[in-house]
Amino acid sequence: MIIDEPVAFPSPRFAGKDGLLAIGGGLSEKRLLLAYRMGIFPWFSDDQPILWWSPDPRLVLYPDEIRISKSLQKVIKKKIFHLTMDTAFEQVINACAQVPRADEQGTWIVKDMIDAYCRLHESGFAHSVEAWYKGKLAGGLYGISLGKSFFGESMFTYMSNASKVVFAALVDYLRELSFDMIDCQIATAHLIRFGAIEISRDRFLDELKQSLDAPTRRGKWSFF
């Protein structure tokens, strides 16, 4: 389906086998928040129109089910990194766009995406977690929070283990707040090692609907 105005999406249950649901529209705050509430997210490259996805199956991580390897536990206990939240969102999202990945060419975090998610951060819906080493940014991640669900978007690392420590810290934070799940979108070996599992789109949408009944913890986040 090609979308324009008004701000609306077809049911994500109608997405194609590859998860593609709709094409077009813009990246306004209203449209993005509606998309996440419906279990939809944008993912496209510079040479493409805006593409909206709702894959089946969906990768999620339930905070109580996270698995931390013994080696990572040792790194965490050493407190190598200073961890913060929502102190360098723009730096984090730009790093996520710029740091090369072995299995990807180019980036899907284009300028329009960066601008849109920075606006969501300013509105209190998008959050970042940062790892610092000797005063310099070593790794981080960002995502969207609605209800009791966190929608993970991307992470990066400049130093070994920095992004892993950041992710573990986020999950611990969300667990303390009784969050229901972290939407990891599409399966990766890295996230599966942390305990993320694939569930059907129908199950994801049903659980998301229930999770969104809770109020959104909007505004700047910080560790307890």
Protein backbone atom coordinates (compact mmCIF):
# COMPACT_ATOMS: atom_id res chain seq x y z
CA MET A 1 0.00 0.00 0.00
CA ILE A 2 1.20 3.54 -0.79
CA ILE A 3 0.36 6.02 1.96
CA ASP A 4 0.21 9.78 2.07
CA GLU A 5 -2.16 11.90 4.17
CA PRO A 6 -3.97 11.59 6.50
CA VAL A 7 -1.70 9.85 9.02
CA ALA A 8 -2.86 6.24 8.92
CA PHE A 9 -1.60 2.72 8.29
CA PRO A 10 -3.25 -0.50 7.16
CA SER A 11 -3.37 -3.28 9.73
CA PRO A 12 0.12 -4.73 10.22
CA ARG A 13 -1.46 -8.18 9.97
CA PHE A 14 -1.74 -7.50 6.21
CA ALA A 15 2.02 -7.09 5.74
CA GLY A 16 3.64 -9.17 3.02
CA LYS A 17 5.73 -12.27 3.64
CA ASP A 18 8.86 -10.12 3.85
CA GLY A 19 7.21 -7.81 6.38
CA LEU A 20 6.75 -4.83 4.04
CA LEU A 21 3.46 -3.11 4.84
CA ALA A 22 3.41 0.35 3.24
CA ILE A 23 5.40 2.87 1.21
CA GLY A 24 5.60 6.63 1.49
CA GLY A 25 4.34 9.23 3.90
CA GLY A 26 6.63 11.26 6.13
CA LEU A 27 8.50 10.92 9.40
CA SER A 28 6.46 13.30 11.51
CA GLU A 29 6.26 12.62 15.24
CA LYS A 30 2.57 11.78 14.90
CA ARG A 31 3.17 9.23 12.14
CA LEU A 32 6.15 7.60 13.87
CA LEU A 33 4.36 7.22 17.20
CA LEU A 34 1.31 5.76 15.47
CA ALA A 35 3.55 3.31 13.64
CA TYR A 36 5.26 2.05 16.81
CA ARG A 37 1.94 1.74 18.61
CA MET A 38 0.77 -0.47 15.74
CA GLY A 39 3.92 -2.59 15.70
CA ILE A 40 5.31 -0.93 12.56
CA PHE A 41 8.72 0.69 12.00
CA PRO A 42 10.46 2.54 9.14
CA TRP A 43 13.50 1.02 7.45
CA PHE A 44 14.85 2.32 4.14
CA SER A 45 17.96 3.60 2.40
CA ASP A 46 18.80 6.99 0.89
CA ASP A 47 17.83 5.85 -2.60
CA GLN A 48 14.43 4.47 -1.51
CA PRO A 49 11.09 5.95 -0.49
CA ILE A 50 10.12 5.54 3.17
CA LEU A 51 9.32 1.86 3.72
CA TRP A 52 7.22 0.64 6.67
CA TRP A 53 7.64 -2.87 8.06
CA SER A 54 5.97 -5.34 10.40
CA PRO A 55 7.93 -8.61 10.10
CA ASP A 56 6.70 -12.08 10.97
CA PRO A 57 8.24 -13.53 13.07
CA ARG A 58 9.30 -10.70 15.39
CA LEU A 59 12.37 -10.78 17.63
CA VAL A 60 11.70 -9.72 21.22
CA LEU A 61 13.53 -9.89 24.51
CA TYR A 62 11.64 -10.21 27.78
CA PRO A 63 13.72 -8.40 30.44
CA ASP A 64 13.42 -11.20 32.99
CA GLU A 65 14.82 -13.67 30.46
CA ILE A 66 18.07 -11.92 29.54
CA ARG A 67 21.19 -14.10 29.45
CA ILE A 68 24.50 -12.52 30.42
CA SER A 69 27.61 -14.56 29.62
CA LYS A 70 30.18 -15.11 32.36
CA SER A 71 32.75 -13.11 30.41
CA LEU A 72 30.38 -10.14 30.12
CA GLN A 73 29.50 -10.41 33.80
CA LYS A 74 33.19 -10.00 34.59
CA VAL A 75 33.43 -6.91 32.37
CA ILE A 76 30.37 -5.38 34.03
CA LYS A 77 31.76 -6.00 37.52
CA LYS A 78 35.02 -4.25 36.61
CA LYS A 79 33.04 -1.06 35.88
CA ILE A 80 35.30 -0.15 32.98
CA PHE A 81 32.69 2.19 31.52
CA HIS A 82 30.76 5.11 32.98
CA LEU A 83 27.13 4.67 31.97
CA THR A 84 24.58 7.43 31.35
CA MET A 85 21.15 7.83 29.81
CA ASP A 86 19.84 10.58 27.56
CA THR A 87 22.99 12.69 27.79
CA ALA A 88 24.26 12.34 24.19
CA PHE A 89 21.36 11.19 22.04
CA GLU A 90 22.47 12.99 18.88
CA GLN A 91 26.02 11.65 19.24
CA VAL A 92 24.69 8.13 19.69
CA ILE A 93 22.36 8.11 16.69
CA ASN A 94 25.03 9.65 14.46
CA ALA A 95 27.54 7.04 15.61
CA CYS A 96 25.01 4.29 14.88
CA ALA A 97 24.72 5.69 11.35
CA GLN A 98 28.45 6.03 10.79
CA VAL A 99 30.09 3.00 12.40
CA PRO A 100 30.54 0.36 9.66
CA ARG A 101 29.15 -3.15 10.17
CA ALA A 102 30.64 -6.25 8.57
CA ASP A 103 27.26 -7.52 7.35
CA GLU A 104 25.94 -4.20 6.01
CA GLN A 105 26.84 -1.80 3.23
CA GLY A 106 25.83 1.81 3.77
CA THR A 107 23.28 2.75 6.40
CA TRP A 108 19.52 2.90 6.82
CA ILE A 109 19.89 5.68 9.41
CA VAL A 110 19.71 8.48 6.88
CA LYS A 111 19.63 12.20 7.70
CA ASP A 112 15.82 12.37 7.67
CA MET A 113 15.72 9.50 10.17
CA ILE A 114 18.29 11.18 12.41
CA ASP A 115 16.33 14.44 12.41
CA ALA A 116 13.05 12.65 13.11
CA TYR A 117 14.36 10.62 16.03
CA CYS A 118 16.12 13.63 17.53
CA ARG A 119 12.71 15.33 17.55
CA LEU A 120 11.25 12.29 19.30
CA HIS A 121 14.04 12.54 21.85
CA GLU A 122 13.26 16.20 22.46
CA SER A 123 9.61 15.19 22.98
CA GLY A 124 10.62 12.58 25.57
CA PHE A 125 9.80 9.42 23.59
CA ALA A 126 13.25 8.45 22.27
CA HIS A 127 16.07 7.54 24.63
CA SER A 128 19.75 6.73 24.49
CA VAL A 129 22.14 4.84 26.73
CA GLU A 130 25.81 5.76 26.61
CA ALA A 131 29.06 4.11 27.71
CA TRP A 132 31.99 6.43 28.33
CA TYR A 133 35.67 5.59 28.72
CA LYS A 134 38.03 8.25 29.99
CA GLY A 135 35.51 10.92 29.05
CA LYS A 136 34.99 9.72 25.48
CA LEU A 137 31.96 7.96 24.04
CA ALA A 138 32.76 4.25 23.73
CA GLY A 139 29.39 2.78 22.77
CA GLY A 140 25.66 3.30 22.93
CA LEU A 141 22.17 2.51 21.74
CA TYR A 142 18.88 4.29 21.19
CA GLY A 143 15.21 3.44 20.87
CA ILE A 144 11.62 4.45 21.54
CA SER A 145 9.61 3.90 24.72
CA LEU A 146 5.82 3.61 24.74
CA GLY A 147 3.78 2.09 27.54
CA LYS A 148 5.74 -0.82 28.98
CA SER A 149 7.54 -1.59 25.72
CA PHE A 150 10.93 -0.40 24.48
CA PHE A 151 11.56 -0.47 20.74
CA GLY A 152 15.29 -0.91 20.16
CA GLU A 153 16.55 0.77 17.02
CA SER A 154 20.32 0.51 16.80
CA MET A 155 23.54 0.26 18.78
CA PHE A 156 27.22 0.85 18.11
CA THR A 157 30.57 0.30 19.76
CA TYR A 158 33.96 1.95 19.47
CA MET A 159 35.47 -0.29 22.17
CA SER A 160 35.16 -4.01 22.78
CA ASN A 161 32.14 -4.88 24.97
CA ALA A 162 30.87 -1.28 25.24
CA SER A 163 27.60 -1.91 23.41
CA LYS A 164 27.06 -5.18 25.28
CA VAL A 165 27.47 -3.44 28.64
CA VAL A 166 25.09 -0.69 27.51
CA PHE A 167 22.47 -3.21 26.41
CA ALA A 168 22.71 -5.19 29.63
CA ALA A 169 22.34 -1.95 31.61
CA LEU A 170 19.25 -0.95 29.62
CA VAL A 171 17.60 -4.33 30.19
CA ASP A 172 18.33 -4.13 33.92
CA TYR A 173 16.83 -0.63 34.01
CA LEU A 174 13.69 -1.74 32.16
CA ARG A 175 13.34 -4.78 34.40
CA GLU A 176 13.35 -2.51 37.46
CA LEU A 177 10.53 -0.54 35.85
CA SER A 178 8.56 -3.75 35.12
CA PHE A 179 8.70 -3.29 31.34
CA ASP A 180 7.06 -6.10 29.39
CA MET A 181 9.43 -6.45 26.46
CA ILE A 182 12.09 -5.02 24.19
CA ASP A 183 11.21 -5.11 20.51
CA CYS A 184 14.39 -6.16 18.70
CA GLN A 185 12.59 -6.26 15.32
CA ILE A 186 14.61 -8.76 13.27
CA ALA A 187 16.68 -11.71 14.47
CA THR A 188 20.44 -11.35 14.87
CA ALA A 189 22.79 -13.87 16.45
CA HIS A 190 24.07 -11.14 18.79
CA LEU A 191 20.63 -10.50 20.32
CA ILE A 192 19.67 -14.17 20.40
CA ARG A 193 22.74 -14.79 22.56
CA PHE A 194 21.27 -12.29 25.01
CA GLY A 195 18.09 -14.35 25.20
CA ALA A 196 15.92 -12.69 22.56
CA ILE A 197 13.41 -15.01 20.90
CA GLU A 198 11.29 -14.96 17.77
CA ILE A 199 7.52 -14.88 18.25
CA SER A 200 4.72 -14.69 15.72
CA ARG A 201 3.55 -11.28 14.56
CA ASP A 202 0.07 -12.01 15.92
CA ARG A 203 1.47 -12.77 19.37
CA PHE A 204 3.67 -9.68 19.25
CA LEU A 205 0.76 -7.41 18.30
CA ASP A 206 -1.46 -8.89 21.02
CA GLU A 207 1.23 -8.44 23.67
CA LEU A 208 2.02 -4.94 22.43
CA LYS A 209 -1.60 -3.87 22.68
CA GLN A 210 -1.72 -4.96 26.30
CA SER A 211 1.64 -3.34 27.06
CA LEU A 212 0.48 0.01 25.68
CA ASP A 213 -2.32 0.16 28.26
CA ALA A 214 0.33 1.32 30.74
CA PRO A 215 1.31 5.02 30.82
CA THR A 216 4.43 6.06 28.89
CA ARG A 217 7.40 7.09 31.03
CA ARG A 218 8.07 10.21 29.02
CA GLY A 219 10.93 12.66 29.49
CA LYS A 220 14.61 12.36 30.27
CA TRP A 221 15.71 9.03 31.72
CA SER A 222 18.55 8.45 34.17
CA PHE A 223 19.88 5.45 36.01
CA PHE A 224 18.60 4.92 39.54
